Amino acid sequence: MKKFIGLFLFLPLFAEAQYRPRVYREERKITDSASYYKQKLMALQMATIDTLRQSETFQNLAEAYRQHAGKSRNYSGFTLFSGLTHTDLGNFGRQIEANGFSPLSSLAPNIGMGFSFRSNRIMIDLYAGTGSLNLKTKRGNETIKINTANFLQLDLGYDLLKSPKASIYPYAGLSGRTSAIKYEKPETVNNNAEDISGFIINNQSVTAMSGKVGYQAGIGFDYSISSPQKTPRATLLFLKAGIQGPIGGDRYKMNGHVYHTDLKQGNWVINIGFKFIVRH
């Protein structure tokens, strides 16, 4: 009786084992067949495209497009540039110099990158980020650093010329903007401290940050340094100069406190760079 019951319980497992391989083989066959026909379709599509590209009609149309697009003034492309950012140091500079710090320069190199677009006479520059390198001054082992940066900067301009090679355009725009003032001094360390709470005796380093919506306005100049008649691709040399600043002025905060200063970081900027564009 026990053998009969054991056989009865084993039969469903045996049937499933017999059924599974058949299902697996059928599913695998269907999958393999689908992959086979998919590859055949892709091969046919590629062959058709190659035949189309080799046709005289396609080549004539493509050449006509290249010639006309090369003469178009509309474009989109990648932008890379560098330049100088000026800072009005005001009383901030005079005070730190009177306290023994070396004179602080008002000019800092900057770099930036983004994208440029043109539609008819409308010029659009969208920069992912632009930033100045640190301006810094020292007094012994103490250092003061200041810098500013813009992100997601959008400039809108209007071309005043009708030249196929050059553009002059006033522009204005908005950006996210950060400004920073950093004071750094090596901390005093107690090497004989019994626990971690007494290891650092004195740390006076501090950073004051200001985050604002920024504005910028000025004038730009573009000049094509490659022939616009042969290909839609071109390289433009550009120069932009203008004023910029935070809307409402900077408000520096450090450790929950507001630091008041007349420092005006990045109050004007001049940039030179390249636009690597495709005309359309």
C-alpha atoms as a PDB file:
ATOM      1  CA  MET A   1       0.000   0.000   0.000  1.00  0.00           C
ATOM      2  CA  LYS A   2       2.824   2.400   0.905  1.00  0.00           C
ATOM      3  CA  LYS A   3       4.530   1.649  -2.425  1.00  0.00           C
ATOM      4  CA  PHE A   4       1.330   2.426  -4.269  1.00  0.00           C
ATOM      5  CA  ILE A   5       0.931   5.737  -2.453  1.00  0.00           C
ATOM      6  CA  GLY A   6       4.572   6.629  -3.149  1.00  0.00           C
ATOM      7  CA  LEU A   7       4.129   5.860  -6.844  1.00  0.00           C
ATOM      8  CA  PHE A   8       0.957   7.926  -6.925  1.00  0.00           C
ATOM      9  CA  LEU A   9       2.773  10.952  -5.462  1.00  0.00           C
ATOM     10  CA  PHE A  10       5.722  10.534  -7.843  1.00  0.00           C
ATOM     11  CA  LEU A  11       3.628  10.447 -11.052  1.00  0.00           C
ATOM     12  CA  PRO A  12       2.866  14.228 -11.166  1.00  0.00           C
ATOM     13  CA  LEU A  13       6.548  15.011 -10.735  1.00  0.00           C
ATOM     14  CA  PHE A  14       7.466  12.603 -13.494  1.00  0.00           C
ATOM     15  CA  ALA A  15       4.830  14.073 -15.808  1.00  0.00           C
ATOM     16  CA  GLU A  16       6.070  17.597 -15.144  1.00  0.00           C
ATOM     17  CA  ALA A  17       9.643  16.554 -15.806  1.00  0.00           C
ATOM     18  CA  GLN A  18       8.562  15.104 -19.124  1.00  0.00           C
ATOM     19  CA  TYR A  19       6.527  18.188 -19.983  1.00  0.00           C
ATOM     20  CA  ARG A  20       9.113  20.824 -19.051  1.00  0.00           C
ATOM     21  CA  PRO A  21      11.807  19.876 -21.559  1.00  0.00           C
ATOM     22  CA  ARG A  22       9.248  19.942 -24.368  1.00  0.00           C
ATOM     23  CA  VAL A  23       8.048  23.410 -23.310  1.00  0.00           C
ATOM     24  CA  TYR A  24      11.655  24.622 -22.951  1.00  0.00           C
ATOM     25  CA  ARG A  25      12.575  23.249 -26.364  1.00  0.00           C
ATOM     26  CA  GLU A  26       9.522  24.869 -27.943  1.00  0.00           C
ATOM     27  CA  GLU A  27      10.204  28.241 -26.253  1.00  0.00           C
ATOM     28  CA  ARG A  28      13.861  28.111 -27.235  1.00  0.00           C
ATOM     29  CA  LYS A  29      12.905  27.268 -30.792  1.00  0.00           C
ATOM     30  CA  ILE A  30      10.511  30.220 -30.939  1.00  0.00           C
ATOM     31  CA  THR A  31      13.137  32.556 -29.448  1.00  0.00           C
ATOM     32  CA  ASP A  32      15.857  31.368 -31.795  1.00  0.00           C
ATOM     33  CA  SER A  33      13.518  31.742 -34.768  1.00  0.00           C
ATOM     34  CA  ALA A  34      12.588  35.291 -33.740  1.00  0.00           C
ATOM     35  CA  SER A  35      16.266  36.227 -33.426  1.00  0.00           C
ATOM     36  CA  TYR A  36      16.969  34.685 -36.819  1.00  0.00           C
ATOM     37  CA  TYR A  37      14.232  36.670 -38.581  1.00  0.00           C
ATOM     38  CA  LYS A  38      15.149  39.811 -36.694  1.00  0.00           C
ATOM     39  CA  GLN A  39      18.730  39.543 -37.969  1.00  0.00           C
ATOM     40  CA  LYS A  40      17.440  38.956 -41.492  1.00  0.00           C
ATOM     41  CA  LEU A  41      15.234  42.071 -41.276  1.00  0.00           C
ATOM     42  CA  MET A  42      18.128  44.191 -39.992  1.00  0.00           C
ATOM     43  CA  ALA A  43      20.402  42.920 -42.750  1.00  0.00           C
ATOM     44  CA  LEU A  44      17.743  43.754 -45.349  1.00  0.00           C
ATOM     45  CA  GLN A  45      17.286  47.234 -43.878  1.00  0.00           C
ATOM     46  CA  MET A  46      21.033  47.917 -43.966  1.00  0.00           C
ATOM     47  CA  ALA A  47      21.287  46.659 -47.543  1.00  0.00           C
ATOM     48  CA  THR A  48      18.383  48.887 -48.565  1.00  0.00           C
ATOM     49  CA  ILE A  49      19.941  51.916 -46.879  1.00  0.00           C
ATOM     50  CA  ASP A  50      23.311  51.242 -48.560  1.00  0.00           C
ATOM     51  CA  THR A  51      21.601  50.953 -51.944  1.00  0.00           C
ATOM     52  CA  LEU A  52      19.727  54.202 -51.308  1.00  0.00           C
ATOM     53  CA  ARG A  53      22.901  56.043 -50.310  1.00  0.00           C
ATOM     54  CA  GLN A  54      24.694  54.865 -53.420  1.00  0.00           C
ATOM     55  CA  SER A  55      21.915  56.046 -55.714  1.00  0.00           C
ATOM     56  CA  GLU A  56      22.555  59.124 -57.844  1.00  0.00           C
ATOM     57  CA  THR A  57      19.373  60.813 -56.657  1.00  0.00           C
ATOM     58  CA  PHE A  58      20.333  60.475 -52.986  1.00  0.00           C
ATOM     59  CA  GLN A  59      23.869  61.734 -53.541  1.00  0.00           C
ATOM     60  CA  ASN A  60      22.650  64.744 -55.533  1.00  0.00           C
ATOM     61  CA  LEU A  61      20.145  65.654 -52.828  1.00  0.00           C
ATOM     62  CA  ALA A  62      22.725  65.179 -50.070  1.00  0.00           C
ATOM     63  CA  GLU A  63      25.221  67.410 -51.864  1.00  0.00           C
ATOM     64  CA  ALA A  64      22.556  70.077 -52.428  1.00  0.00           C
ATOM     65  CA  TYR A  65      21.669  69.966 -48.739  1.00  0.00           C
ATOM     66  CA  ARG A  66      25.324  70.327 -47.684  1.00  0.00           C
ATOM     67  CA  GLN A  67      25.801  73.326 -49.932  1.00  0.00           C
ATOM     68  CA  HIS A  68      22.654  75.120 -48.775  1.00  0.00           C
ATOM     69  CA  ALA A  69      23.100  74.210 -45.099  1.00  0.00           C
ATOM     70  CA  GLY A  70      26.672  75.510 -45.310  1.00  0.00           C
ATOM     71  CA  LYS A  71      25.264  78.913 -46.243  1.00  0.00           C
ATOM     72  CA  SER A  72      22.605  78.900 -43.528  1.00  0.00           C
ATOM     73  CA  ARG A  73      22.984  81.190 -40.528  1.00  0.00           C
ATOM     74  CA  ASN A  74      21.030  78.888 -38.220  1.00  0.00           C
ATOM     75  CA  TYR A  75      23.139  76.506 -36.163  1.00  0.00           C
ATOM     76  CA  SER A  76      23.633  74.542 -32.955  1.00  0.00           C
ATOM     77  CA  GLY A  77      26.896  73.493 -31.390  1.00  0.00           C
ATOM     78  CA  PHE A  78      29.275  73.067 -28.465  1.00  0.00           C
ATOM     79  CA  THR A  79      31.000  76.067 -26.846  1.00  0.00           C
ATOM     80  CA  LEU A  80      34.306  76.235 -25.006  1.00  0.00           C
ATOM     81  CA  PHE A  81      35.877  79.443 -23.682  1.00  0.00           C
ATOM     82  CA  SER A  82      38.087  81.170 -21.124  1.00  0.00           C
ATOM     83  CA  GLY A  83      38.665  84.739 -20.057  1.00  0.00           C
ATOM     84  CA  LEU A  84      39.002  87.162 -17.172  1.00  0.00           C
ATOM     85  CA  THR A  85      36.616  88.031 -14.349  1.00  0.00           C
ATOM     86  CA  HIS A  86      36.968  91.348 -12.507  1.00  0.00           C
ATOM     87  CA  THR A  87      36.091  91.874  -8.833  1.00  0.00           C
ATOM     88  CA  ASP A  88      35.484  95.224  -7.128  1.00  0.00           C
ATOM     89  CA  LEU A  89      37.364  94.703  -3.854  1.00  0.00           C
ATOM     90  CA  GLY A  90      36.097  97.901  -2.177  1.00  0.00           C
ATOM     91  CA  ASN A  91      36.804  98.282   1.538  1.00  0.00           C
ATOM     92  CA  PHE A  92      37.215  94.507   1.851  1.00  0.00           C
ATOM     93  CA  GLY A  93      40.530  94.666  -0.019  1.00  0.00           C
ATOM     94  CA  ARG A  94      41.781  97.722   1.873  1.00  0.00           C
ATOM     95  CA  GLN A  95      40.921  96.234   5.267  1.00  0.00           C
ATOM     96  CA  ILE A  96      42.679  92.910   4.792  1.00  0.00           C
ATOM     97  CA  GLU A  97      45.729  94.687   3.352  1.00  0.00           C
ATOM     98  CA  ALA A  98      45.813  96.997   6.388  1.00  0.00           C
ATOM     99  CA  ASN A  99      45.747  93.877   8.595  1.00  0.00           C
ATOM    100  CA  GLY A 100      48.942  92.563   7.023  1.00  0.00           C
ATOM    101  CA  PHE A 101      47.698  90.464   4.112  1.00  0.00           C
ATOM    102  CA  SER A 102      49.365  90.855   0.719  1.00  0.00           C
ATOM    103  CA  PRO A 103      47.463  92.930  -1.891  1.00  0.00           C
ATOM    104  CA  LEU A 104      44.602  90.996  -3.476  1.00  0.00           C
ATOM    105  CA  SER A 105      44.343  91.036  -7.277  1.00  0.00           C
ATOM    106  CA  SER A 106      41.060  92.166  -8.824  1.00  0.00           C
ATOM    107  CA  LEU A 107      41.372  89.943 -11.926  1.00  0.00           C
ATOM    108  CA  ALA A 108      40.983  86.154 -12.037  1.00  0.00           C
ATOM    109  CA  PRO A 109      41.111  83.706 -14.962  1.00  0.00           C
ATOM    110  CA  ASN A 110      37.873  81.881 -15.712  1.00  0.00           C
ATOM    111  CA  ILE A 111      36.742  78.949 -17.834  1.00  0.00           C
ATOM    112  CA  GLY A 112      33.389  77.721 -19.098  1.00  0.00           C
ATOM    113  CA  MET A 113      31.563  75.393 -21.451  1.00  0.00           C
ATOM    114  CA  GLY A 114      28.071  74.909 -22.832  1.00  0.00           C
ATOM    115  CA  PHE A 115      25.989  75.047 -25.991  1.00  0.00           C
ATOM    116  CA  SER A 116      25.096  77.725 -28.524  1.00  0.00           C
ATOM    117  CA  PHE A 117      22.120  78.021 -30.866  1.00  0.00           C
ATOM    118  CA  ARG A 118      20.934  80.418 -33.511  1.00  0.00           C
ATOM    119  CA  SER A 119      17.552  80.842 -35.205  1.00  0.00           C
ATOM    120  CA  ASN A 120      17.352  83.663 -37.736  1.00  0.00           C
ATOM    121  CA  ARG A 121      18.780  86.589 -35.719  1.00  0.00           C
ATOM    122  CA  ILE A 122      18.142  85.172 -32.262  1.00  0.00           C
ATOM    123  CA  MET A 123      21.340  84.054 -30.498  1.00  0.00           C
ATOM    124  CA  ILE A 124      21.107  81.653 -27.546  1.00  0.00           C
ATOM    125  CA  ASP A 125      23.996  80.629 -25.289  1.00  0.00           C
ATOM    126  CA  LEU A 126      23.349  78.044 -22.582  1.00  0.00           C
ATOM    127  CA  TYR A 127      26.373  77.434 -20.380  1.00  0.00           C
ATOM    128  CA  ALA A 128      26.453  74.446 -18.061  1.00  0.00           C
ATOM    129  CA  GLY A 129      28.948  76.255 -15.880  1.00  0.00           C
ATOM    130  CA  THR A 130      31.396  79.156 -15.782  1.00  0.00           C
ATOM    131  CA  GLY A 131      33.740  79.868 -12.928  1.00  0.00           C
ATOM    132  CA  SER A 132      36.724  81.948 -11.911  1.00  0.00           C
ATOM    133  CA  LEU A 133      39.839  80.551 -10.290  1.00  0.00           C
ATOM    134  CA  ASN A 134      40.613  81.582  -6.729  1.00  0.00           C
ATOM    135  CA  LEU A 135      41.918  85.045  -5.959  1.00  0.00           C
ATOM    136  CA  LYS A 136      44.019  84.639  -2.833  1.00  0.00           C
ATOM    137  CA  THR A 137      46.175  86.559  -0.410  1.00  0.00           C
ATOM    138  CA  LYS A 138      48.425  85.396   2.446  1.00  0.00           C
ATOM    139  CA  ARG A 139      49.683  86.553   5.818  1.00  0.00           C
ATOM    140  CA  GLY A 140      52.181  84.049   7.123  1.00  0.00           C
ATOM    141  CA  ASN A 141      50.356  80.712   7.241  1.00  0.00           C
ATOM    142  CA  GLU A 142      46.918  82.360   6.919  1.00  0.00           C
ATOM    143  CA  THR A 143      45.134  82.505   3.530  1.00  0.00           C
ATOM    144  CA  ILE A 144      42.054  84.308   2.220  1.00  0.00           C
ATOM    145  CA  LYS A 145      40.488  83.037  -1.025  1.00  0.00           C
ATOM    146  CA  ILE A 146      37.536  84.402  -3.010  1.00  0.00           C
ATOM    147  CA  ASN A 147      35.827  83.062  -6.111  1.00  0.00           C
ATOM    148  CA  THR A 148      32.531  83.093  -7.970  1.00  0.00           C
ATOM    149  CA  ALA A 149      30.757  80.726 -10.387  1.00  0.00           C
ATOM    150  CA  ASN A 150      27.627  80.643 -12.544  1.00  0.00           C
ATOM    151  CA  PHE A 151      25.695  77.540 -13.506  1.00  0.00           C
ATOM    152  CA  LEU A 152      22.884  76.997 -16.012  1.00  0.00           C
ATOM    153  CA  GLN A 153      23.606  80.428 -17.446  1.00  0.00           C
ATOM    154  CA  LEU A 154      21.215  81.458 -20.228  1.00  0.00           C
ATOM    155  CA  ASP A 155      22.073  84.411 -22.499  1.00  0.00           C
ATOM    156  CA  LEU A 156      19.709  85.699 -25.201  1.00  0.00           C
ATOM    157  CA  GLY A 157      21.050  87.965 -27.950  1.00  0.00           C
ATOM    158  CA  TYR A 158      19.977  89.600 -31.201  1.00  0.00           C
ATOM    159  CA  ASP A 159      22.306  89.859 -34.201  1.00  0.00           C
ATOM    160  CA  LEU A 160      22.606  93.375 -35.611  1.00  0.00           C
ATOM    161  CA  LEU A 161      24.432  92.326 -38.796  1.00  0.00           C
ATOM    162  CA  LYS A 162      23.422  90.470 -41.954  1.00  0.00           C
ATOM    163  CA  SER A 163      26.935  89.226 -42.722  1.00  0.00           C
ATOM    164  CA  PRO A 164      27.353  85.483 -43.492  1.00  0.00           C
ATOM    165  CA  LYS A 165      30.654  85.385 -41.564  1.00  0.00           C
ATOM    166  CA  ALA A 166      30.258  87.805 -38.627  1.00  0.00           C
ATOM    167  CA  SER A 167      27.709  88.700 -35.953  1.00  0.00           C
ATOM    168  CA  ILE A 168      27.457  91.484 -33.399  1.00  0.00           C
ATOM    169  CA  TYR A 169      24.773  91.010 -30.787  1.00  0.00           C
ATOM    170  CA  PRO A 170      23.780  92.637 -27.507  1.00  0.00           C
ATOM    171  CA  TYR A 171      22.744  89.999 -24.966  1.00  0.00           C
ATOM    172  CA  ALA A 172      21.186  89.635 -21.537  1.00  0.00           C
ATOM    173  CA  GLY A 173      20.310  86.686 -19.337  1.00  0.00           C
ATOM    174  CA  LEU A 174      19.990  84.949 -15.982  1.00  0.00           C
ATOM    175  CA  SER A 175      21.939  82.273 -14.139  1.00  0.00           C
ATOM    176  CA  GLY A 176      22.370  80.482 -10.856  1.00  0.00           C
ATOM    177  CA  ARG A 177      25.273  82.111  -9.043  1.00  0.00           C
ATOM    178  CA  THR A 178      27.486  81.322  -6.062  1.00  0.00           C
ATOM    179  CA  SER A 179      30.169  83.469  -4.416  1.00  0.00           C
ATOM    180  CA  ALA A 180      32.566  82.338  -1.699  1.00  0.00           C
ATOM    181  CA  ILE A 181      35.023  83.891   0.774  1.00  0.00           C
ATOM    182  CA  LYS A 182      37.331  81.449   2.558  1.00  0.00           C
ATOM    183  CA  TYR A 183      39.660  82.121   5.463  1.00  0.00           C
ATOM    184  CA  GLU A 184      42.108  79.285   6.141  1.00  0.00           C
ATOM    185  CA  LYS A 185      44.459  78.934   9.110  1.00  0.00           C
ATOM    186  CA  PRO A 186      46.129  75.717  10.289  1.00  0.00           C
ATOM    187  CA  GLU A 187      44.392  74.374  13.376  1.00  0.00           C
ATOM    188  CA  THR A 188      46.185  73.975  16.717  1.00  0.00           C
ATOM    189  CA  VAL A 189      46.613  70.270  17.524  1.00  0.00           C
ATOM    190  CA  ASN A 190      47.101  68.712  20.950  1.00  0.00           C
ATOM    191  CA  ASN A 191      49.117  65.548  20.321  1.00  0.00           C
ATOM    192  CA  ASN A 192      48.879  64.615  24.015  1.00  0.00           C
ATOM    193  CA  ALA A 193      45.073  64.540  24.076  1.00  0.00           C
ATOM    194  CA  GLU A 194      43.606  61.610  25.985  1.00  0.00           C
ATOM    195  CA  ASP A 195      40.539  61.347  23.715  1.00  0.00           C
ATOM    196  CA  ILE A 196      39.380  62.687  20.365  1.00  0.00           C
ATOM    197  CA  SER A 197      37.441  65.574  21.909  1.00  0.00           C
ATOM    198  CA  GLY A 198      40.681  67.293  22.959  1.00  0.00           C
ATOM    199  CA  PHE A 199      42.741  66.651  19.823  1.00  0.00           C
ATOM    200  CA  ILE A 200      41.844  69.911  18.002  1.00  0.00           C
ATOM    201  CA  ILE A 201      42.320  72.866  20.342  1.00  0.00           C
ATOM    202  CA  ASN A 202      41.602  75.705  17.918  1.00  0.00           C
ATOM    203  CA  ASN A 203      40.271  75.793  14.326  1.00  0.00           C
ATOM    204  CA  GLN A 204      39.560  79.291  12.995  1.00  0.00           C
ATOM    205  CA  SER A 205      39.087  78.395   9.300  1.00  0.00           C
ATOM    206  CA  VAL A 206      35.708  79.502   7.947  1.00  0.00           C
ATOM    207  CA  THR A 207      33.841  79.749   4.636  1.00  0.00           C
ATOM    208  CA  ALA A 208      31.214  82.386   3.850  1.00  0.00           C
ATOM    209  CA  MET A 209      28.895  81.469   0.943  1.00  0.00           C
ATOM    210  CA  SER A 210      26.318  83.422  -1.026  1.00  0.00           C
ATOM    211  CA  GLY A 211      23.850  81.792  -3.435  1.00  0.00           C
ATOM    212  CA  LYS A 212      21.715  84.021  -5.638  1.00  0.00           C
ATOM    213  CA  VAL A 213      19.981  84.319  -9.000  1.00  0.00           C
ATOM    214  CA  GLY A 214      22.454  86.203 -11.161  1.00  0.00           C
ATOM    215  CA  TYR A 215      22.085  88.546 -14.127  1.00  0.00           C
ATOM    216  CA  GLN A 216      24.425  89.261 -17.016  1.00  0.00           C
ATOM    217  CA  ALA A 217      24.322  91.697 -19.947  1.00  0.00           C
ATOM    218  CA  GLY A 218      26.776  92.826 -22.570  1.00  0.00           C
ATOM    219  CA  ILE A 219      27.740  92.534 -26.212  1.00  0.00           C
ATOM    220  CA  GLY A 220      29.068  89.589 -28.224  1.00  0.00           C
ATOM    221  CA  PHE A 221      30.976  89.183 -31.468  1.00  0.00           C
ATOM    222  CA  ASP A 222      31.189  85.992 -33.586  1.00  0.00           C
ATOM    223  CA  TYR A 223      33.393  85.374 -36.618  1.00  0.00           C
ATOM    224  CA  SER A 224      33.469  82.260 -38.795  1.00  0.00           C
ATOM    225  CA  ILE A 225      37.050  81.002 -39.201  1.00  0.00           C
ATOM    226  CA  SER A 226      36.047  78.205 -41.627  1.00  0.00           C
ATOM    227  CA  SER A 227      34.447  78.332 -45.067  1.00  0.00           C
ATOM    228  CA  PRO A 228      30.637  78.269 -44.779  1.00  0.00           C
ATOM    229  CA  GLN A 229      30.093  77.192 -48.386  1.00  0.00           C
ATOM    230  CA  LYS A 230      31.605  73.678 -48.338  1.00  0.00           C
ATOM    231  CA  THR A 231      30.086  71.931 -45.330  1.00  0.00           C
ATOM    232  CA  PRO A 232      27.433  72.507 -42.628  1.00  0.00           C
ATOM    233  CA  ARG A 233      30.150  72.122 -39.972  1.00  0.00           C
ATOM    234  CA  ALA A 234      31.998  75.281 -38.998  1.00  0.00           C
ATOM    235  CA  THR A 235      34.049  76.821 -36.213  1.00  0.00           C
ATOM    236  CA  LEU A 236      33.234  80.272 -34.883  1.00  0.00           C
ATOM    237  CA  LEU A 237      35.598  82.448 -32.876  1.00  0.00           C
ATOM    238  CA  PHE A 238      33.650  84.556 -30.395  1.00  0.00           C
ATOM    239  CA  LEU A 239      34.230  87.338 -27.894  1.00  0.00           C
ATOM    240  CA  LYS A 240      31.770  88.406 -25.205  1.00  0.00           C
ATOM    241  CA  ALA A 241      32.154  91.226 -22.690  1.00  0.00           C
ATOM    242  CA  GLY A 242      29.693  92.540 -20.155  1.00  0.00           C
ATOM    243  CA  ILE A 243      28.586  93.116 -16.604  1.00  0.00           C
ATOM    244  CA  GLN A 244      27.174  90.541 -14.215  1.00  0.00           C
ATOM    245  CA  GLY A 245      26.165  90.214 -10.601  1.00  0.00           C
ATOM    246  CA  PRO A 246      23.658  88.830  -8.093  1.00  0.00           C
ATOM    247  CA  ILE A 247      20.102  90.169  -8.099  1.00  0.00           C
ATOM    248  CA  GLY A 248      19.697  92.012  -4.807  1.00  0.00           C
ATOM    249  CA  GLY A 249      23.406  91.763  -3.924  1.00  0.00           C
ATOM    250  CA  ASP A 250      25.373  88.959  -2.288  1.00  0.00           C
ATOM    251  CA  ARG A 251      24.408  87.777   1.183  1.00  0.00           C
ATOM    252  CA  TYR A 252      27.288  85.827   2.698  1.00  0.00           C
ATOM    253  CA  LYS A 253      26.429  83.291   5.385  1.00  0.00           C
ATOM    254  CA  MET A 254      28.780  81.345   7.639  1.00  0.00           C
ATOM    255  CA  ASN A 255      27.849  79.090  10.550  1.00  0.00           C
ATOM    256  CA  GLY A 256      24.360  80.573  10.690  1.00  0.00           C
ATOM    257  CA  HIS A 257      25.583  84.184  10.733  1.00  0.00           C
ATOM    258  CA  VAL A 258      25.526  86.857   8.006  1.00  0.00           C
ATOM    259  CA  TYR A 259      28.843  88.431   7.014  1.00  0.00           C
ATOM    260  CA  HIS A 260      28.407  91.982   5.666  1.00  0.00           C
ATOM    261  CA  THR A 261      30.924  93.216   3.098  1.00  0.00           C
ATOM    262  CA  ASP A 262      31.024  95.595   0.143  1.00  0.00           C
ATOM    263  CA  LEU A 263      32.947  93.048  -1.959  1.00  0.00           C
ATOM    264  CA  LYS A 264      31.446  92.761  -5.479  1.00  0.00           C
ATOM    265  CA  GLN A 265      32.729  89.549  -7.035  1.00  0.00           C
ATOM    266  CA  GLY A 266      32.699  89.106 -10.810  1.00  0.00           C
ATOM    267  CA  ASN A 267      31.139  92.495 -11.549  1.00  0.00           C
ATOM    268  CA  TRP A 268      32.338  92.329 -15.149  1.00  0.00           C
ATOM    269  CA  VAL A 269      33.726  89.599 -17.382  1.00  0.00           C
ATOM    270  CA  ILE A 270      35.339  89.183 -20.776  1.00  0.00           C
ATOM    271  CA  ASN A 271      35.468  85.798 -22.522  1.00  0.00           C
ATOM    272  CA  ILE A 272      36.973  84.486 -25.739  1.00  0.00           C
ATOM    273  CA  GLY A 273      36.390  81.032 -27.136  1.00  0.00           C
ATOM    274  CA  PHE A 274      35.122  78.781 -29.898  1.00  0.00           C
ATOM    275  CA  LYS A 275      31.751  77.508 -31.063  1.00  0.00           C
ATOM    276  CA  PHE A 276      31.935  74.162 -32.862  1.00  0.00           C
ATOM    277  CA  ILE A 277      28.682  74.251 -34.803  1.00  0.00           C
ATOM    278  CA  VAL A 278      26.560  72.441 -37.361  1.00  0.00           C
ATOM    279  CA  ARG A 279      24.493  74.710 -39.618  1.00  0.00           C
ATOM    280  CA  HIS A 280      20.934  73.667 -40.507  1.00  0.00           C
END
